[in-house]
Amino acid sequence: MGAYVPLHKLAHYDLADLETLLKALRQKIKLTIEFVGFTGERWPKSQKLIQRKRVPLE
């Protein structure tokens, strides 16, 4: 598997804002988004898990 290059990096964000942004983005384009460092965390609005288990990058 090759190296991952982020499309965009946010220096400061709020999880609720990120959740809203990702929802809008997913309506426009199909992307695979891998979250790292969010093990066990939930989205504020939907309460869905962000990341189920740790990945080797953590």
N, C-alpha and C. Protein backbone atom coordinates (compact mmCIF):
# COMPACT_ATOMS: atom_id res chain seq x y z
N MET A 1 0.84 -1.18 0.00
CA MET A 1 0.00 0.00 0.00
C MET A 1 0.89 1.24 0.00
N GLY A 2 0.56 2.23 -0.81
CA GLY A 2 1.37 3.44 -0.93
C GLY A 2 1.14 4.43 0.19
N ALA A 3 1.88 5.50 0.16
CA ALA A 3 1.75 6.55 1.16
C ALA A 3 0.47 7.34 0.93
N TYR A 4 -0.12 7.80 2.00
CA TYR A 4 -1.34 8.60 1.92
C TYR A 4 -0.97 10.08 1.88
N VAL A 5 -1.60 10.80 0.99
CA VAL A 5 -1.39 12.24 0.88
C VAL A 5 -2.75 12.91 1.11
N PRO A 6 -2.87 13.72 2.15
CA PRO A 6 -4.16 14.35 2.41
C PRO A 6 -4.53 15.37 1.33
N LEU A 7 -5.81 15.41 1.00
CA LEU A 7 -6.30 16.42 0.06
C LEU A 7 -6.32 17.79 0.73
N HIS A 8 -6.62 17.79 2.01
CA HIS A 8 -6.72 19.04 2.75
C HIS A 8 -6.44 18.75 4.21
N LYS A 9 -5.84 19.69 4.88
CA LYS A 9 -5.54 19.54 6.30
C LYS A 9 -6.08 20.75 7.03
N LEU A 10 -6.81 20.50 8.10
CA LEU A 10 -7.36 21.58 8.91
C LEU A 10 -6.48 21.75 10.14
N ALA A 11 -6.04 22.96 10.37
CA ALA A 11 -5.20 23.24 11.54
C ALA A 11 -6.03 23.27 12.82
N HIS A 12 -7.26 23.77 12.73
CA HIS A 12 -8.17 23.85 13.88
C HIS A 12 -9.58 23.58 13.39
N TYR A 13 -10.28 22.73 14.07
CA TYR A 13 -11.65 22.44 13.68
C TYR A 13 -12.46 21.96 14.87
N ASP A 14 -13.73 21.97 14.68
CA ASP A 14 -14.69 21.48 15.65
C ASP A 14 -15.30 20.23 15.04
N LEU A 15 -15.48 19.16 15.81
CA LEU A 15 -16.01 17.92 15.26
C LEU A 15 -17.38 18.10 14.62
N ALA A 16 -18.22 18.94 15.19
CA ALA A 16 -19.54 19.19 14.61
C ALA A 16 -19.40 19.85 13.23
N ASP A 17 -18.47 20.80 13.10
CA ASP A 17 -18.22 21.44 11.80
C ASP A 17 -17.66 20.45 10.79
N LEU A 18 -16.75 19.59 11.25
CA LEU A 18 -16.16 18.59 10.37
C LEU A 18 -17.23 17.60 9.90
N GLU A 19 -18.11 17.21 10.80
CA GLU A 19 -19.19 16.29 10.44
C GLU A 19 -20.08 16.90 9.37
N THR A 20 -20.42 18.17 9.51
CA THR A 20 -21.26 18.87 8.53
C THR A 20 -20.54 18.98 7.19
N LEU A 21 -19.26 19.33 7.22
CA LEU A 21 -18.47 19.44 6.00
C LEU A 21 -18.40 18.11 5.26
N LEU A 22 -18.12 17.02 5.99
CA LEU A 22 -18.01 15.71 5.37
C LEU A 22 -19.33 15.24 4.79
N LYS A 23 -20.42 15.55 5.46
CA LYS A 23 -21.74 15.17 4.95
C LYS A 23 -22.00 15.85 3.60
N ALA A 24 -21.70 17.13 3.51
CA ALA A 24 -21.89 17.88 2.26
C ALA A 24 -20.94 17.36 1.18
N LEU A 25 -19.71 17.07 1.54
CA LEU A 25 -18.73 16.57 0.58
C LEU A 25 -19.15 15.22 0.03
N ARG A 26 -19.64 14.35 0.89
CA ARG A 26 -20.06 13.01 0.47
C ARG A 26 -21.26 13.05 -0.47
N GLN A 27 -22.05 14.10 -0.42
CA GLN A 27 -23.19 14.24 -1.34
C GLN A 27 -22.72 14.59 -2.74
N LYS A 28 -21.55 15.20 -2.85
CA LYS A 28 -21.02 15.64 -4.13
C LYS A 28 -20.10 14.62 -4.80
N ILE A 29 -19.21 14.02 -4.01
CA ILE A 29 -18.22 13.10 -4.58
C ILE A 29 -18.05 11.88 -3.69
N LYS A 30 -17.58 10.79 -4.29
CA LYS A 30 -17.29 9.58 -3.53
C LYS A 30 -15.81 9.58 -3.18
N LEU A 31 -15.53 9.54 -1.92
CA LEU A 31 -14.16 9.48 -1.43
C LEU A 31 -14.05 8.40 -0.37
N THR A 32 -12.90 7.81 -0.26
CA THR A 32 -12.61 6.95 0.86
C THR A 32 -11.86 7.81 1.86
N ILE A 33 -12.40 7.92 3.04
CA ILE A 33 -11.79 8.75 4.08
C ILE A 33 -11.41 7.84 5.23
N GLU A 34 -10.15 7.85 5.58
CA GLU A 34 -9.66 7.04 6.69
C GLU A 34 -9.33 7.97 7.85
N PHE A 35 -9.99 7.75 8.96
CA PHE A 35 -9.75 8.56 10.15
C PHE A 35 -8.75 7.87 11.05
N VAL A 36 -7.76 8.61 11.52
CA VAL A 36 -6.72 8.08 12.40
C VAL A 36 -6.70 8.95 13.66
N GLY A 37 -6.71 8.30 14.80
CA GLY A 37 -6.67 9.02 16.07
C GLY A 37 -8.03 9.31 16.66
N PHE A 38 -9.07 8.66 16.14
CA PHE A 38 -10.43 8.88 16.62
C PHE A 38 -11.06 7.61 17.17
N THR A 39 -10.23 6.65 17.59
CA THR A 39 -10.73 5.37 18.09
C THR A 39 -11.73 5.59 19.22
N GLY A 40 -12.94 5.05 19.05
CA GLY A 40 -13.97 5.15 20.08
C GLY A 40 -14.72 6.46 20.12
N GLU A 41 -14.29 7.45 19.34
CA GLU A 41 -14.97 8.76 19.32
C GLU A 41 -16.23 8.68 18.47
N ARG A 42 -17.22 9.51 18.78
CA ARG A 42 -18.48 9.56 18.04
C ARG A 42 -18.70 10.96 17.47
N TRP A 43 -19.38 10.99 16.30
CA TRP A 43 -19.75 12.27 15.71
C TRP A 43 -20.79 12.93 16.61
N PRO A 44 -20.70 14.24 16.83
CA PRO A 44 -21.61 14.93 17.74
C PRO A 44 -23.09 14.85 17.34
N LYS A 45 -23.40 14.99 16.07
CA LYS A 45 -24.80 15.02 15.64
C LYS A 45 -25.39 13.62 15.45
N SER A 46 -24.72 12.77 14.69
CA SER A 46 -25.26 11.45 14.35
C SER A 46 -24.97 10.39 15.42
N GLN A 47 -24.00 10.64 16.26
CA GLN A 47 -23.54 9.70 17.29
C GLN A 47 -22.98 8.39 16.73
N LYS A 48 -22.64 8.38 15.43
CA LYS A 48 -22.00 7.22 14.82
C LYS A 48 -20.53 7.22 15.20
N LEU A 49 -19.94 6.01 15.33
CA LEU A 49 -18.51 5.92 15.62
C LEU A 49 -17.71 6.49 14.46
N ILE A 50 -16.68 7.24 14.78
CA ILE A 50 -15.80 7.80 13.76
C ILE A 50 -14.81 6.74 13.31
N GLN A 51 -14.20 6.06 14.26
CA GLN A 51 -13.19 5.03 13.98
C GLN A 51 -13.42 3.89 14.95
N ARG A 52 -13.60 2.69 14.44
CA ARG A 52 -13.89 1.54 15.28
C ARG A 52 -12.66 1.00 16.02
N LYS A 53 -11.59 0.76 15.28
CA LYS A 53 -10.41 0.20 15.92
C LYS A 53 -9.15 0.92 15.46
N ARG A 54 -8.12 0.79 16.28
CA ARG A 54 -6.84 1.45 15.98
C ARG A 54 -6.25 0.90 14.69
N VAL A 55 -5.52 1.77 14.01
CA VAL A 55 -4.79 1.38 12.82
C VAL A 55 -3.29 1.52 13.10
N PRO A 56 -2.45 0.86 12.33
CA PRO A 56 -0.99 0.91 12.59
C PRO A 56 -0.40 2.32 12.59
N LEU A 57 -1.06 3.29 11.97
CA LEU A 57 -0.52 4.65 11.92
C LEU A 57 -0.60 5.35 13.28
N GLU A 58 -1.40 4.82 14.20
CA GLU A 58 -1.56 5.50 15.50
C GLU A 58 -0.46 5.12 16.45
